């Protein structure tokens, strides 16, 4: 059983695939899986449509490094990531 499977079992969701996944790399980058579309985009704020819900990323000097097949890599100084 993988680490992610262990975490999902703690929450009782071991058979459910996550609708989205966020990985932060310090405050300089984020990688998000499960993105349907970019709702809005500026250097200070990005709003995303997810497979289930929406997400807002705030920061400074934000830019899209990669966006392909539902995966999004954001770089810049990331201050917050929240599901809305």
Protein backbone atom coordinates (compact mmCIF):
# COMPACT_ATOMS: atom_id res chain seq x y z
CA UNK A 1 0.00 0.00 0.00
CA UNK A 2 1.38 3.41 -0.96
CA UNK A 3 1.59 6.47 1.27
CA UNK A 4 -1.33 8.10 -0.59
CA UNK A 5 -3.40 4.93 -0.14
CA UNK A 6 -2.65 5.03 3.60
CA UNK A 7 -3.82 8.65 3.81
CA UNK A 8 -7.00 7.92 1.83
CA UNK A 9 -7.83 4.99 4.12
CA UNK A 10 -7.55 7.27 7.18
CA UNK A 11 -10.29 9.44 5.66
CA UNK A 12 -12.38 6.44 4.59
CA UNK A 13 -11.86 7.15 0.90
CA UNK A 14 -9.52 4.31 -0.03
CA UNK A 15 -11.57 3.35 -3.10
CA UNK A 16 -12.17 6.91 -4.30
CA UNK A 17 -9.83 8.59 -6.75
CA UNK A 18 -9.10 12.18 -5.72
CA UNK A 19 -10.84 14.83 -7.87
CA UNK A 20 -7.71 16.97 -7.74
CA UNK A 21 -4.25 16.93 -6.20
CA UNK A 22 -1.96 19.83 -5.24
CA UNK A 23 1.76 19.57 -4.63
CA UNK A 24 3.61 22.62 -3.33
CA UNK A 25 7.34 23.04 -3.78
CA UNK A 26 8.17 25.57 -1.12
CA UNK A 27 6.67 28.93 -1.98
CA UNK A 28 8.09 28.97 -5.51
CA UNK A 29 5.96 26.45 -7.40
CA UNK A 30 2.76 24.39 -7.32
CA UNK A 31 1.67 21.43 -9.40
CA UNK A 32 -2.08 20.81 -9.65
CA UNK A 33 -3.72 17.72 -11.17
CA UNK A 34 -7.40 17.63 -12.11
CA UNK A 35 -7.68 21.11 -13.67
CA UNK A 36 -10.50 21.52 -16.21
CA UNK A 37 -9.78 25.13 -17.20
CA UNK A 38 -8.20 28.41 -16.13
CA UNK A 39 -11.00 30.77 -15.07
CA UNK A 40 -8.85 33.88 -14.61
CA UNK A 41 -5.14 34.62 -14.59
CA UNK A 42 -2.94 37.50 -13.50
CA UNK A 43 0.46 37.80 -11.86
CA UNK A 44 -1.26 38.14 -8.45
CA UNK A 45 -4.14 35.65 -8.69
CA UNK A 46 -5.22 32.58 -10.63
CA UNK A 47 -8.65 30.98 -10.45
CA UNK A 48 -9.09 27.46 -11.76
CA UNK A 49 -12.02 25.21 -12.59
CA UNK A 50 -11.36 21.75 -11.17
CA UNK A 51 -13.10 18.47 -11.93
CA UNK A 52 -15.04 19.12 -8.74
CA UNK A 53 -15.15 22.75 -7.66
CA UNK A 54 -12.80 25.68 -8.07
CA UNK A 55 -9.43 26.78 -6.71
CA UNK A 56 -7.75 30.15 -6.12
CA UNK A 57 -3.99 30.71 -6.02
CA UNK A 58 -2.62 34.05 -4.86
CA UNK A 59 0.95 35.32 -4.95
CA UNK A 60 3.42 37.55 -6.76
CA UNK A 61 4.82 37.12 -10.24
CA UNK A 62 2.68 34.06 -10.94
CA UNK A 63 3.03 32.42 -14.33
CA UNK A 64 2.01 29.14 -15.96
CA UNK A 65 5.00 26.91 -16.59
CA UNK A 66 2.96 23.99 -17.99
CA UNK A 67 -0.70 23.32 -18.70
CA UNK A 68 -1.50 20.06 -20.42
CA UNK A 69 -4.07 17.26 -20.05
CA UNK A 70 -5.47 18.53 -16.76
CA UNK A 71 -2.07 19.20 -15.18
CA UNK A 72 -0.97 22.73 -14.31
CA UNK A 73 2.43 23.92 -13.07
CA UNK A 74 2.45 27.44 -11.58
CA UNK A 75 5.63 29.30 -10.67
CA UNK A 76 6.23 32.55 -8.80
CA UNK A 77 5.94 33.45 -5.12
CA UNK A 78 2.89 31.51 -3.97
CA UNK A 79 1.18 32.97 -0.91
CA UNK A 80 -1.98 30.85 -0.71
CA UNK A 81 -3.84 28.00 -2.36
CA UNK A 82 -7.49 27.48 -1.48
CA UNK A 83 -10.44 25.51 -2.76
CA UNK A 84 -13.42 27.79 -3.34
